[in-house]
Amino acid sequence: MTGLDLLEPEEAAALAAAVESLRADLGDDVRIGLFGSRARRDHRPESDFDLLCLMPDGLAVDFEVVDNNVVSAMAEYGGAANVQYLQESRLEDLYFEHAYLPNALREWIDVTDPCLLVLAASEV
């Protein structure tokens, strides 16, 4: 069980749009995890998608542009995302510096592969 089977088709479609946008901007080496209320399944209909992107070292991107692209990608579905970006090599150092990080890693549902999300959304 990946946790993706718990998503409603509309949720999976919105999440797939966000993941495809993030991978287009950040590359194939990024790992993307869903956490927060949608991962725990205690969200409200208007809840955003909390995403954690674990990136390789040396990736130079304009995060404002990346965030705007995610907003545009999800607009069709009426969803919103709260995206956190961390270099994977710094994860251990930052674990206690960011209050959300322990919960994000505990609740993590790997959504890196957009193909799995497309399958989950196929009922839309």
PDB file of N, CA and C in Angstrom:
ATOM      1  N   MET A   1       0.847  -1.188   0.000  1.00  0.00           N
ATOM      2  CA  MET A   1       0.000   0.000   0.000  1.00  0.00           C
ATOM      3  C   MET A   1       0.883   1.238   0.000  1.00  0.00           C
ATOM      4  N   THR A   2       0.661   2.137  -0.934  1.00  0.00           N
ATOM      5  CA  THR A   2       1.481   3.331  -1.060  1.00  0.00           C
ATOM      6  C   THR A   2       0.865   4.542  -0.386  1.00  0.00           C
ATOM      7  N   GLY A   3      -0.387   4.478  -0.028  1.00  0.00           N
ATOM      8  CA  GLY A   3      -1.090   5.644   0.481  1.00  0.00           C
ATOM      9  C   GLY A   3      -1.812   6.377  -0.628  1.00  0.00           C
ATOM     10  N   LEU A   4      -1.355   6.194  -1.863  1.00  0.00           N
ATOM     11  CA  LEU A   4      -2.001   6.853  -2.992  1.00  0.00           C
ATOM     12  C   LEU A   4      -3.382   6.270  -3.253  1.00  0.00           C
ATOM     13  N   ASP A   5      -3.578   5.024  -2.864  1.00  0.00           N
ATOM     14  CA  ASP A   5      -4.884   4.395  -3.058  1.00  0.00           C
ATOM     15  C   ASP A   5      -5.950   5.033  -2.170  1.00  0.00           C
ATOM     16  N   LEU A   6      -5.551   5.846  -1.205  1.00  0.00           N
ATOM     17  CA  LEU A   6      -6.497   6.533  -0.339  1.00  0.00           C
ATOM     18  C   LEU A   6      -6.975   7.858  -0.922  1.00  0.00           C
ATOM     19  N   LEU A   7      -6.344   8.314  -2.002  1.00  0.00           N
ATOM     20  CA  LEU A   7      -6.706   9.596  -2.602  1.00  0.00           C
ATOM     21  C   LEU A   7      -7.961   9.459  -3.456  1.00  0.00           C
ATOM     22  N   GLU A   8      -8.798  10.467  -3.371  1.00  0.00           N
ATOM     23  CA  GLU A   8      -9.919  10.556  -4.307  1.00  0.00           C
ATOM     24  C   GLU A   8      -9.345  10.890  -5.691  1.00  0.00           C
ATOM     25  N   PRO A   9     -10.006  10.486  -6.767  1.00  0.00           N
ATOM     26  CA  PRO A   9      -9.476  10.764  -8.110  1.00  0.00           C
ATOM     27  C   PRO A   9      -9.175  12.246  -8.367  1.00  0.00           C
ATOM     28  N   GLU A  10     -10.035  13.133  -7.860  1.00  0.00           N
ATOM     29  CA  GLU A  10      -9.807  14.570  -8.059  1.00  0.00           C
ATOM     30  C   GLU A  10      -8.551  15.034  -7.331  1.00  0.00           C
ATOM     31  N   GLU A  11      -8.327  14.488  -6.124  1.00  0.00           N
ATOM     32  CA  GLU A  11      -7.118  14.813  -5.370  1.00  0.00           C
ATOM     33  C   GLU A  11      -5.878  14.326  -6.108  1.00  0.00           C
ATOM     34  N   ALA A  12      -5.953  13.111  -6.620  1.00  0.00           N
ATOM     35  CA  ALA A  12      -4.815  12.537  -7.338  1.00  0.00           C
ATOM     36  C   ALA A  12      -4.489  13.347  -8.584  1.00  0.00           C
ATOM     37  N   ALA A  13      -5.501  13.832  -9.274  1.00  0.00           N
ATOM     38  CA  ALA A  13      -5.275  14.634 -10.477  1.00  0.00           C
ATOM     39  C   ALA A  13      -4.589  15.956 -10.138  1.00  0.00           C
ATOM     40  N   ALA A  14      -5.052  16.611  -9.075  1.00  0.00           N
ATOM     41  CA  ALA A  14      -4.434  17.871  -8.657  1.00  0.00           C
ATOM     42  C   ALA A  14      -2.995  17.636  -8.208  1.00  0.00           C
ATOM     43  N   LEU A  15      -2.779  16.584  -7.456  1.00  0.00           N
ATOM     44  CA  LEU A  15      -1.449  16.262  -6.973  1.00  0.00           C
ATOM     45  C   LEU A  15      -0.521  15.891  -8.125  1.00  0.00           C
ATOM     46  N   ALA A  16      -1.031  15.153  -9.094  1.00  0.00           N
ATOM     47  CA  ALA A  16      -0.231  14.796 -10.279  1.00  0.00           C
ATOM     48  C   ALA A  16       0.218  16.045 -11.026  1.00  0.00           C
ATOM     49  N   ALA A  17      -0.661  17.036 -11.141  1.00  0.00           N
ATOM     50  CA  ALA A  17      -0.306  18.283 -11.819  1.00  0.00           C
ATOM     51  C   ALA A  17       0.824  18.991 -11.075  1.00  0.00           C
ATOM     52  N   ALA A  18       0.733  19.016  -9.743  1.00  0.00           N
ATOM     53  CA  ALA A  18       1.779  19.661  -8.941  1.00  0.00           C
ATOM     54  C   ALA A  18       3.107  18.927  -9.080  1.00  0.00           C
ATOM     55  N   VAL A  19       3.068  17.606  -8.995  1.00  0.00           N
ATOM     56  CA  VAL A  19       4.299  16.804  -9.076  1.00  0.00           C
ATOM     57  C   VAL A  19       4.947  16.944 -10.448  1.00  0.00           C
ATOM     58  N   GLU A  20       4.154  16.887 -11.504  1.00  0.00           N
ATOM     59  CA  GLU A  20       4.709  17.043 -12.851  1.00  0.00           C
ATOM     60  C   GLU A  20       5.367  18.410 -13.011  1.00  0.00           C
ATOM     61  N   SER A  21       4.750  19.446 -12.454  1.00  0.00           N
ATOM     62  CA  SER A  21       5.326  20.782 -12.514  1.00  0.00           C
ATOM     63  C   SER A  21       6.647  20.845 -11.742  1.00  0.00           C
ATOM     64  N   LEU A  22       6.655  20.280 -10.534  1.00  0.00           N
ATOM     65  CA  LEU A  22       7.874  20.286  -9.723  1.00  0.00           C
ATOM     66  C   LEU A  22       9.005  19.524 -10.407  1.00  0.00           C
ATOM     67  N   ARG A  23       8.696  18.371 -10.965  1.00  0.00           N
ATOM     68  CA  ARG A  23       9.738  17.582 -11.639  1.00  0.00           C
ATOM     69  C   ARG A  23      10.250  18.294 -12.888  1.00  0.00           C
ATOM     70  N   ALA A  24       9.375  19.004 -13.582  1.00  0.00           N
ATOM     71  CA  ALA A  24       9.814  19.755 -14.762  1.00  0.00           C
ATOM     72  C   ALA A  24      10.800  20.853 -14.373  1.00  0.00           C
ATOM     73  N   ASP A  25      10.558  21.480 -13.220  1.00  0.00           N
ATOM     74  CA  ASP A  25      11.417  22.586 -12.777  1.00  0.00           C
ATOM     75  C   ASP A  25      12.644  22.120 -11.993  1.00  0.00           C
ATOM     76  N   LEU A  26      12.515  21.028 -11.243  1.00  0.00           N
ATOM     77  CA  LEU A  26      13.584  20.604 -10.338  1.00  0.00           C
ATOM     78  C   LEU A  26      14.374  19.403 -10.840  1.00  0.00           C
ATOM     79  N   GLY A  27      13.864  18.711 -11.841  1.00  0.00           N
ATOM     80  CA  GLY A  27      14.580  17.569 -12.410  1.00  0.00           C
ATOM     81  C   GLY A  27      14.149  16.241 -11.825  1.00  0.00           C
ATOM     82  N   ASP A  28      14.681  15.189 -12.401  1.00  0.00           N
ATOM     83  CA  ASP A  28      14.278  13.831 -12.036  1.00  0.00           C
ATOM     84  C   ASP A  28      14.903  13.333 -10.734  1.00  0.00           C
ATOM     85  N   ASP A  29      15.911  14.033 -10.216  1.00  0.00           N
ATOM     86  CA  ASP A  29      16.573  13.579  -8.994  1.00  0.00           C
ATOM     87  C   ASP A  29      15.882  14.050  -7.721  1.00  0.00           C
ATOM     88  N   VAL A  30      14.867  14.875  -7.850  1.00  0.00           N
ATOM     89  CA  VAL A  30      14.139  15.348  -6.675  1.00  0.00           C
ATOM     90  C   VAL A  30      13.215  14.234  -6.177  1.00  0.00           C
ATOM     91  N   ARG A  31      13.069  14.143  -4.849  1.00  0.00           N
ATOM     92  CA  ARG A  31      12.094  13.230  -4.243  1.00  0.00           C
ATOM     93  C   ARG A  31      11.001  14.086  -3.625  1.00  0.00           C
ATOM     94  N   ILE A  32       9.761  13.720  -3.869  1.00  0.00           N
ATOM     95  CA  ILE A  32       8.629  14.529  -3.434  1.00  0.00           C
ATOM     96  C   ILE A  32       7.726  13.682  -2.549  1.00  0.00           C
ATOM     97  N   GLY A  33       7.405  14.224  -1.382  1.00  0.00           N
ATOM     98  CA  GLY A  33       6.539  13.516  -0.448  1.00  0.00           C
ATOM     99  C   GLY A  33       5.342  14.359  -0.054  1.00  0.00           C
ATOM    100  N   LEU A  34       4.212  13.714   0.069  1.00  0.00           N
ATOM    101  CA  LEU A  34       2.993  14.330   0.580  1.00  0.00           C
ATOM    102  C   LEU A  34       2.976  14.106   2.090  1.00  0.00           C
ATOM    103  N   PHE A  35       2.648  15.165   2.842  1.00  0.00           N
ATOM    104  CA  PHE A  35       2.514  15.041   4.292  1.00  0.00           C
ATOM    105  C   PHE A  35       1.381  15.941   4.743  1.00  0.00           C
ATOM    106  N   GLY A  36       1.138  16.001   6.017  1.00  0.00           N
ATOM    107  CA  GLY A  36       0.102  16.881   6.536  1.00  0.00           C
ATOM    108  C   GLY A  36      -1.280  16.240   6.495  1.00  0.00           C
ATOM    109  N   SER A  37      -2.293  17.091   6.523  1.00  0.00           N
ATOM    110  CA  SER A  37      -3.665  16.601   6.677  1.00  0.00           C
ATOM    111  C   SER A  37      -4.107  15.692   5.538  1.00  0.00           C
ATOM    112  N   ARG A  38      -3.660  15.953   4.317  1.00  0.00           N
ATOM    113  CA  ARG A  38      -4.068  15.067   3.216  1.00  0.00           C
ATOM    114  C   ARG A  38      -3.401  13.704   3.323  1.00  0.00           C
ATOM    115  N   ALA A  39      -2.192  13.653   3.799  1.00  0.00           N
ATOM    116  CA  ALA A  39      -1.528  12.357   4.003  1.00  0.00           C
ATOM    117  C   ALA A  39      -2.174  11.601   5.163  1.00  0.00           C
ATOM    118  N   ARG A  40      -2.590  12.339   6.191  1.00  0.00           N
ATOM    119  CA  ARG A  40      -3.231  11.700   7.353  1.00  0.00           C
ATOM    120  C   ARG A  40      -4.697  11.389   7.094  1.00  0.00           C
ATOM    121  N   ARG A  41      -5.261  11.971   6.033  1.00  0.00           N
ATOM    122  CA  ARG A  41      -6.671  11.812   5.659  1.00  0.00           C
ATOM    123  C   ARG A  41      -7.615  12.468   6.654  1.00  0.00           C
ATOM    124  N   ASP A  42      -7.144  13.560   7.308  1.00  0.00           N
ATOM    125  CA  ASP A  42      -8.034  14.309   8.193  1.00  0.00           C
ATOM    126  C   ASP A  42      -8.220  15.740   7.685  1.00  0.00           C
ATOM    127  N   HIS A  43      -8.090  15.905   6.376  1.00  0.00           N
ATOM    128  CA  HIS A  43      -8.186  17.225   5.751  1.00  0.00           C
ATOM    129  C   HIS A  43      -9.648  17.639   5.524  1.00  0.00           C
ATOM    130  N   ARG A  44      -9.811  18.918   5.286  1.00  0.00           N
ATOM    131  CA  ARG A  44     -11.091  19.472   4.861  1.00  0.00           C
ATOM    132  C   ARG A  44     -11.027  19.623   3.337  1.00  0.00           C
ATOM    133  N   PRO A  45     -12.160  19.803   2.677  1.00  0.00           N
ATOM    134  CA  PRO A  45     -12.142  19.938   1.212  1.00  0.00           C
ATOM    135  C   PRO A  45     -11.242  21.071   0.708  1.00  0.00           C
ATOM    136  N   GLU A  46     -11.124  22.139   1.490  1.00  0.00           N
ATOM    137  CA  GLU A  46     -10.317  23.287   1.052  1.00  0.00           C
ATOM    138  C   GLU A  46      -8.851  23.202   1.487  1.00  0.00           C
ATOM    139  N   SER A  47      -8.467  22.127   2.144  1.00  0.00           N
ATOM    140  CA  SER A  47      -7.083  21.981   2.613  1.00  0.00           C
ATOM    141  C   SER A  47      -6.109  21.940   1.447  1.00  0.00           C
ATOM    142  N   ASP A  48      -4.923  22.506   1.691  1.00  0.00           N
ATOM    143  CA  ASP A  48      -3.891  22.467   0.659  1.00  0.00           C
ATOM    144  C   ASP A  48      -3.146  21.138   0.711  1.00  0.00           C
ATOM    145  N   PHE A  49      -2.285  20.927  -0.272  1.00  0.00           N
ATOM    146  CA  PHE A  49      -1.417  19.760  -0.325  1.00  0.00           C
ATOM    147  C   PHE A  49      -0.062  20.184   0.217  1.00  0.00           C
ATOM    148  N   ASP A  50       0.361  19.583   1.315  1.00  0.00           N
ATOM    149  CA  ASP A  50       1.675  19.862   1.874  1.00  0.00           C
ATOM    150  C   ASP A  50       2.669  18.913   1.211  1.00  0.00           C
ATOM    151  N   LEU A  51       3.670  19.496   0.548  1.00  0.00           N
ATOM    152  CA  LEU A  51       4.665  18.709  -0.181  1.00  0.00           C
ATOM    153  C   LEU A  51       6.058  19.063   0.308  1.00  0.00           C
ATOM    154  N   LEU A  52       6.892  18.049   0.453  1.00  0.00           N
ATOM    155  CA  LEU A  52       8.292  18.237   0.799  1.00  0.00           C
ATOM    156  C   LEU A  52       9.124  17.743  -0.373  1.00  0.00           C
ATOM    157  N   CYS A  53       9.955  18.619  -0.898  1.00  0.00           N
ATOM    158  CA  CYS A  53      10.858  18.276  -1.998  1.00  0.00           C
ATOM    159  C   CYS A  53      12.263  18.132  -1.438  1.00  0.00           C
ATOM    160  N   LEU A  54      12.809  16.931  -1.560  1.00  0.00           N
ATOM    161  CA  LEU A  54      14.190  16.675  -1.155  1.00  0.00           C
ATOM    162  C   LEU A  54      15.035  16.714  -2.416  1.00  0.00           C
ATOM    163  N   MET A  55      15.927  17.694  -2.460  1.00  0.00           N
ATOM    164  CA  MET A  55      16.666  17.984  -3.680  1.00  0.00           C
ATOM    165  C   MET A  55      18.138  17.611  -3.543  1.00  0.00           C
ATOM    166  N   PRO A  56      18.769  17.314  -4.677  1.00  0.00           N
ATOM    167  CA  PRO A  56      20.214  17.056  -4.642  1.00  0.00           C
ATOM    168  C   PRO A  56      20.972  18.356  -4.387  1.00  0.00           C
ATOM    169  N   ASP A  57      22.191  18.227  -3.906  1.00  0.00           N
ATOM    170  CA  ASP A  57      23.042  19.404  -3.693  1.00  0.00           C
ATOM    171  C   ASP A  57      23.327  20.099  -5.021  1.00  0.00           C
ATOM    172  N   GLY A  58      23.509  21.395  -4.935  1.00  0.00           N
ATOM    173  CA  GLY A  58      23.937  22.163  -6.095  1.00  0.00           C
ATOM    174  C   GLY A  58      22.840  22.543  -7.068  1.00  0.00           C
ATOM    175  N   LEU A  59      21.607  22.247  -6.741  1.00  0.00           N
ATOM    176  CA  LEU A  59      20.502  22.599  -7.635  1.00  0.00           C
ATOM    177  C   LEU A  59      20.195  24.086  -7.459  1.00  0.00           C
ATOM    178  N   ALA A  60      20.357  24.843  -8.525  1.00  0.00           N
ATOM    179  CA  ALA A  60      20.103  26.287  -8.472  1.00  0.00           C
ATOM    180  C   ALA A  60      18.793  26.585  -9.200  1.00  0.00           C
ATOM    181  N   VAL A  61      17.797  26.988  -8.444  1.00  0.00           N
ATOM    182  CA  VAL A  61      16.493  27.303  -9.034  1.00  0.00           C
ATOM    183  C   VAL A  61      15.922  28.554  -8.392  1.00  0.00           C
ATOM    184  N   ASP A  62      15.018  29.191  -9.100  1.00  0.00           N
ATOM    185  CA  ASP A  62      14.276  30.320  -8.567  1.00  0.00           C
ATOM    186  C   ASP A  62      12.981  29.755  -7.976  1.00  0.00           C
ATOM    187  N   PHE A  63      12.924  29.634  -6.649  1.00  0.00           N
ATOM    188  CA  PHE A  63      11.792  28.974  -6.010  1.00  0.00           C
ATOM    189  C   PHE A  63      10.489  29.740  -6.198  1.00  0.00           C
ATOM    190  N   GLU A  64      10.550  31.036  -6.395  1.00  0.00           N
ATOM    191  CA  GLU A  64       9.337  31.800  -6.669  1.00  0.00           C
ATOM    192  C   GLU A  64       8.735  31.357  -8.000  1.00  0.00           C
ATOM    193  N   VAL A  65       9.584  31.153  -8.996  1.00  0.00           N
ATOM    194  CA  VAL A  65       9.113  30.667 -10.293  1.00  0.00           C
ATOM    195  C   VAL A  65       8.538  29.258 -10.156  1.00  0.00           C
ATOM    196  N   VAL A  66       9.246  28.393  -9.417  1.00  0.00           N
ATOM    197  CA  VAL A  66       8.769  27.017  -9.210  1.00  0.00           C
ATOM    198  C   VAL A  66       7.402  27.037  -8.530  1.00  0.00           C
ATOM    199  N   ASP A  67       7.259  27.836  -7.472  1.00  0.00           N
ATOM    200  CA  ASP A  67       5.978  27.933  -6.770  1.00  0.00           C
ATOM    201  C   ASP A  67       4.866  28.440  -7.693  1.00  0.00           C
ATOM    202  N   ASN A  68       5.164  29.452  -8.494  1.00  0.00           N
ATOM    203  CA  ASN A  68       4.163  29.987  -9.426  1.00  0.00           C
ATOM    204  C   ASN A  68       3.748  28.937 -10.455  1.00  0.00           C
ATOM    205  N   ASN A  69       4.692  28.123 -10.900  1.00  0.00           N
ATOM    206  CA  ASN A  69       4.367  27.063 -11.846  1.00  0.00           C
ATOM    207  C   ASN A  69       3.460  26.010 -11.218  1.00  0.00           C
ATOM    208  N   VAL A  70       3.685  25.710  -9.948  1.00  0.00           N
ATOM    209  CA  VAL A  70       2.822  24.752  -9.244  1.00  0.00           C
ATOM    210  C   VAL A  70       1.408  25.323  -9.126  1.00  0.00           C
ATOM    211  N   VAL A  71       1.298  26.592  -8.776  1.00  0.00           N
ATOM    212  CA  VAL A  71      -0.015  27.238  -8.669  1.00  0.00           C
ATOM    213  C   VAL A  71      -0.745  27.159 -10.004  1.00  0.00           C
ATOM    214  N   SER A  72      -0.046  27.459 -11.081  1.00  0.00           N
ATOM    215  CA  SER A  72      -0.659  27.405 -12.413  1.00  0.00           C
ATOM    216  C   SER A  72      -1.091  25.987 -12.764  1.00  0.00           C
ATOM    217  N   ALA A  73      -0.247  25.013 -12.452  1.00  0.00           N
ATOM    218  CA  ALA A  73      -0.553  23.620 -12.779  1.00  0.00           C
ATOM    219  C   ALA A  73      -1.791  23.124 -12.035  1.00  0.00           C
ATOM    220  N   MET A  74      -1.968  23.584 -10.798  1.00  0.00           N
ATOM    221  CA  MET A  74      -3.083  23.104  -9.983  1.00  0.00           C
ATOM    222  C   MET A  74      -4.359  23.918 -10.164  1.00  0.00           C
ATOM    223  N   ALA A  75      -4.286  25.040 -10.857  1.00  0.00           N
ATOM    224  CA  ALA A  75      -5.430  25.938 -10.984  1.00  0.00           C
ATOM    225  C   ALA A  75      -6.656  25.244 -11.580  1.00  0.00           C
ATOM    226  N   GLU A  76      -6.425  24.378 -12.536  1.00  0.00           N
ATOM    227  CA  GLU A  76      -7.527  23.664 -13.187  1.00  0.00           C
ATOM    228  C   GLU A  76      -8.331  22.832 -12.195  1.00  0.00           C
ATOM    229  N   TYR A  77      -7.674  22.389 -11.142  1.00  0.00           N
ATOM    230  CA  TYR A  77      -8.312  21.493 -10.179  1.00  0.00           C
ATOM    231  C   TYR A  77      -8.788  22.210  -8.924  1.00  0.00           C
ATOM    232  N   GLY A  78      -8.496  23.500  -8.828  1.00  0.00           N
ATOM    233  CA  GLY A  78      -8.905  24.262  -7.661  1.00  0.00           C
ATOM    234  C   GLY A  78      -8.123  23.924  -6.405  1.00  0.00           C
ATOM    235  N   GLY A  79      -6.995  23.262  -6.563  1.00  0.00           N
ATOM    236  CA  GLY A  79      -6.182  22.887  -5.415  1.00  0.00           C
ATOM    237  C   GLY A  79      -5.083  23.894  -5.154  1.00  0.00           C
ATOM    238  N   ALA A  80      -4.497  23.801  -3.993  1.00  0.00           N
ATOM    239  CA  ALA A  80      -3.362  24.649  -3.621  1.00  0.00           C
ATOM    240  C   ALA A  80      -2.317  23.774  -2.951  1.00  0.00           C
ATOM    241  N   ALA A  81      -1.070  24.185  -3.054  1.00  0.00           N
ATOM    242  CA  ALA A  81       0.017  23.413  -2.448  1.00  0.00           C
ATOM    243  C   ALA A  81       0.891  24.316  -1.598  1.00  0.00           C
ATOM    244  N   ASN A  82       1.375  23.756  -0.517  1.00  0.00           N
ATOM    245  CA  ASN A  82       2.375  24.375   0.327  1.00  0.00           C
ATOM    246  C   ASN A  82       3.632  23.520   0.146  1.00  0.00           C
ATOM    247  N   VAL A  83       4.606  24.048  -0.573  1.00  0.00           N
ATOM    248  CA  VAL A  83       5.788  23.261  -0.920  1.00  0.00           C
ATOM    249  C   VAL A  83       6.981  23.719  -0.097  1.00  0.00           C
ATOM    250  N   GLN A  84       7.638  22.763   0.542  1.00  0.00           N
ATOM    251  CA  GLN A  84       8.868  23.010   1.297  1.00  0.00           C
ATOM    252  C   GLN A  84      10.016  22.375   0.515  1.00  0.00           C
ATOM    253  N   TYR A  85      11.150  23.074   0.454  1.00  0.00           N
ATOM    254  CA  TYR A  85      12.305  22.602  -0.307  1.00  0.00           C
ATOM    255  C   TYR A  85      13.493  22.422   0.636  1.00  0.00           C
ATOM    256  N   LEU A  86      14.140  21.267   0.567  1.00  0.00           N
ATOM    257  CA  LEU A  86      15.340  21.014   1.367  1.00  0.00           C
ATOM    258  C   LEU A  86      16.345  20.223   0.546  1.00  0.00           C
ATOM    259  N   GLN A  87      17.625  20.535   0.764  1.00  0.00           N
ATOM    260  CA  GLN A  87      18.668  19.693   0.178  1.00  0.00           C
ATOM    261  C   GLN A  87      18.699  18.404   0.986  1.00  0.00           C
ATOM    262  N   GLU A  88      18.635  17.296   0.303  1.00  0.00           N
ATOM    263  CA  GLU A  88      18.569  16.006   0.995  1.00  0.00           C
ATOM    264  C   GLU A  88      19.783  15.777   1.897  1.00  0.00           C
ATOM    265  N   SER A  89      20.941  16.266   1.483  1.00  0.00           N
ATOM    266  CA  SER A  89      22.149  16.067   2.285  1.00  0.00           C
ATOM    267  C   SER A  89      22.102  16.828   3.612  1.00  0.00           C
ATOM    268  N   ARG A  90      21.221  17.819   3.733  1.00  0.00           N
ATOM    269  CA  ARG A  90      21.117  18.612   4.957  1.00  0.00           C
ATOM    270  C   ARG A  90      19.972  18.160   5.859  1.00  0.00           C
ATOM    271  N   LEU A  91      19.296  17.108   5.465  1.00  0.00           N
ATOM    272  CA  LEU A  91      18.111  16.659   6.191  1.00  0.00           C
ATOM    273  C   LEU A  91      18.398  16.391   7.671  1.00  0.00           C
ATOM    274  N   GLU A  92      19.452  15.684   7.949  1.00  0.00           N
ATOM    275  CA  GLU A  92      19.780  15.363   9.342  1.00  0.00           C
ATOM    276  C   GLU A  92      20.106  16.623  10.138  1.00  0.00           C
ATOM    277  N   ASP A  93      20.846  17.555   9.533  1.00  0.00           N
ATOM    278  CA  ASP A  93      21.207  18.800  10.217  1.00  0.00           C
ATOM    279  C   ASP A  93      19.987  19.667  10.523  1.00  0.00           C
ATOM    280  N   LEU A  94      19.001  19.633   9.654  1.00  0.00           N
ATOM    281  CA  LEU A  94      17.842  20.521   9.770  1.00  0.00           C
ATOM    282  C   LEU A  94      16.653  19.889  10.483  1.00  0.00           C
ATOM    283  N   TYR A  95      16.778  18.629  10.852  1.00  0.00           N
ATOM    284  CA  TYR A  95      15.648  17.872  11.391  1.00  0.00           C
ATOM    285  C   TYR A  95      14.950  18.596  12.537  1.00  0.00           C
ATOM    286  N   PHE A  96      15.701  19.137  13.473  1.00  0.00           N
ATOM    287  CA  PHE A  96      15.091  19.788  14.626  1.00  0.00           C
ATOM    288  C   PHE A  96      14.962  21.299  14.460  1.00  0.00           C
ATOM    289  N   GLU A  97      15.503  21.852  13.386  1.00  0.00           N
ATOM    290  CA  GLU A  97      15.397  23.293  13.150  1.00  0.00           C
ATOM    291  C   GLU A  97      14.058  23.687  12.539  1.00  0.00           C
ATOM    292  N   HIS A  98      13.423  22.770  11.849  1.00  0.00           N
ATOM    293  CA  HIS A  98      12.142  23.051  11.193  1.00  0.00           C
ATOM    294  C   HIS A  98      11.058  22.227  11.885  1.00  0.00           C
ATOM    295  N   ALA A  99      10.137  22.924  12.514  1.00  0.00           N
ATOM    296  CA  ALA A  99       9.123  22.248  13.333  1.00  0.00           C
ATOM    297  C   ALA A  99       8.300  21.235  12.542  1.00  0.00           C
ATOM    298  N   TYR A 100       8.072  21.478  11.267  1.00  0.00           N
ATOM    299  CA  TYR A 100       7.245  20.583  10.462  1.00  0.00           C
ATOM    300  C   TYR A 100       7.972  19.302  10.048  1.00  0.00           C
ATOM    301  N   LEU A 101       9.301  19.315  10.059  1.00  0.00           N
ATOM    302  CA  LEU A 101      10.073  18.240   9.435  1.00  0.00           C
ATOM    303  C   LEU A 101       9.884  16.860  10.075  1.00  0.00           C
ATOM    304  N   PRO A 102       9.921  16.705  11.396  1.00  0.00           N
ATOM    305  CA  PRO A 102       9.696  15.361  11.952  1.00  0.00           C
ATOM    306  C   PRO A 102       8.349  14.769  11.531  1.00  0.00           C
ATOM    307  N   ASN A 103       7.291  15.581  11.580  1.00  0.00           N
ATOM    308  CA  ASN A 103       5.977  15.089  11.157  1.00  0.00           C
ATOM    309  C   ASN A 103       5.949  14.805   9.663  1.00  0.00           C
ATOM    310  N   ALA A 104       6.567  15.663   8.882  1.00  0.00           N
ATOM    311  CA  ALA A 104       6.578  15.466   7.425  1.00  0.00           C
ATOM    312  C   ALA A 104       7.222  14.139   7.067  1.00  0.00           C
ATOM    313  N   LEU A 105       8.305  13.797   7.734  1.00  0.00           N
ATOM    314  CA  LEU A 105       8.991  12.545   7.429  1.00  0.00           C
ATOM    315  C   LEU A 105       8.226  11.336   7.962  1.00  0.00           C
ATOM    316  N   ARG A 106       7.543  11.498   9.081  1.00  0.00           N
ATOM    317  CA  ARG A 106       6.747  10.404   9.638  1.00  0.00           C
ATOM    318  C   ARG A 106       5.520  10.125   8.763  1.00  0.00           C
ATOM    319  N   GLU A 107       4.904  11.177   8.242  1.00  0.00           N
ATOM    320  CA  GLU A 107       3.677  11.040   7.459  1.00  0.00           C
ATOM    321  C   GLU A 107       3.944  10.819   5.970  1.00  0.00           C
ATOM    322  N   TRP A 108       5.176  10.933   5.554  1.00  0.00           N
ATOM    323  CA  TRP A 108       5.600  10.921   4.145  1.00  0.00           C
ATOM    324  C   TRP A 108       4.906   9.837   3.315  1.00  0.00           C
ATOM    325  N   ILE A 109       4.271  10.268   2.241  1.00  0.00           N
ATOM    326  CA  ILE A 109       3.795   9.376   1.193  1.00  0.00           C
ATOM    327  C   ILE A 109       4.538   9.793  -0.060  1.00  0.00           C
ATOM    328  N   ASP A 110       5.325   8.891  -0.611  1.00  0.00           N
ATOM    329  CA  ASP A 110       6.149   9.209  -1.775  1.00  0.00           C
ATOM    330  C   ASP A 110       5.257   9.413  -2.985  1.00  0.00           C
ATOM    331  N   VAL A 111       5.303  10.619  -3.544  1.00  0.00           N
ATOM    332  CA  VAL A 111       4.510  10.947  -4.740  1.00  0.00           C
ATOM    333  C   VAL A 111       5.422  11.330  -5.903  1.00  0.00           C
ATOM    334  N   THR A 112       6.686  10.928  -5.817  1.00  0.00           N
ATOM    335  CA  THR A 112       7.673  11.312  -6.823  1.00  0.00           C
ATOM    336  C   THR A 112       7.302  10.828  -8.219  1.00  0.00           C
ATOM    337  N   ASP A 113       6.717   9.645  -8.323  1.00  0.00           N
ATOM    338  CA  ASP A 113       6.398   9.067  -9.626  1.00  0.00           C
ATOM    339  C   ASP A 113       5.022   9.534 -10.087  1.00  0.00           C
ATOM    340  N   PRO A 114       4.970  10.454 -11.052  1.00  0.00           N
ATOM    341  CA  PRO A 114       3.664  10.956 -11.499  1.00  0.00           C
ATOM    342  C   PRO A 114       2.811   9.876 -12.166  1.00  0.00           C
ATOM    343  N   CYS A 115       3.430   8.799 -12.646  1.00  0.00           N
ATOM    344  CA  CYS A 115       2.652   7.719 -13.269  1.00  0.00           C
ATOM    345  C   CYS A 115       1.691   7.086 -12.270  1.00  0.00           C
ATOM    346  N   LEU A 116       2.140   6.917 -11.019  1.00  0.00           N
ATOM    347  CA  LEU A 116       1.261   6.355 -10.000  1.00  0.00           C
ATOM    348  C   LEU A 116       0.082   7.276  -9.722  1.00  0.00           C
ATOM    349  N   LEU A 117       0.324   8.570  -9.774  1.00  0.00           N
ATOM    350  CA  LEU A 117      -0.747   9.543  -9.534  1.00  0.00           C
ATOM    351  C   LEU A 117      -1.734   9.552 -10.691  1.00  0.00           C
ATOM    352  N   VAL A 118      -1.232   9.411 -11.901  1.00  0.00           N
ATOM    353  CA  VAL A 118      -2.115   9.374 -13.066  1.00  0.00           C
ATOM    354  C   VAL A 118      -3.037   8.164 -12.979  1.00  0.00           C
ATOM    355  N   LEU A 119      -2.499   7.025 -12.546  1.00  0.00           N
ATOM    356  CA  LEU A 119      -3.322   5.826 -12.368  1.00  0.00           C
ATOM    357  C   LEU A 119      -4.395   6.073 -11.306  1.00  0.00           C
ATOM    358  N   ALA A 120      -4.019   6.714 -10.205  1.00  0.00           N
ATOM    359  CA  ALA A 120      -4.986   7.001  -9.131  1.00  0.00           C
ATOM    360  C   ALA A 120      -6.049   7.984  -9.589  1.00  0.00           C
ATOM    361  N   ALA A 121      -5.699   8.851 -10.540  1.00  0.00           N
ATOM    362  CA  ALA A 121      -6.634   9.874 -11.028  1.00  0.00           C
ATOM    363  C   ALA A 121      -7.455   9.388 -12.211  1.00  0.00           C
ATOM    364  N   SER A 122      -7.232   8.182 -12.678  1.00  0.00           N
ATOM    365  CA  SER A 122      -7.844   7.726 -13.929  1.00  0.00           C
ATOM    366  C   SER A 122      -9.357   7.665 -13.886  1.00  0.00           C
ATOM    367  N   GLU A 123      -9.947   7.756 -12.711  1.00  0.00           N
ATOM    368  CA  GLU A 123     -11.400   7.729 -12.614  1.00  0.00           C
ATOM    369  C   GLU A 123     -12.028   9.105 -12.800  1.00  0.00           C
ATOM    370  N   VAL A 124     -11.200  10.160 -12.909  1.00  0.00           N
ATOM    371  CA  VAL A 124     -11.748  11.531 -13.028  1.00  0.00           C
ATOM    372  C   VAL A 124     -12.432  11.691 -14.364  1.00  0.00           C
TER     373      VAL A 124
END
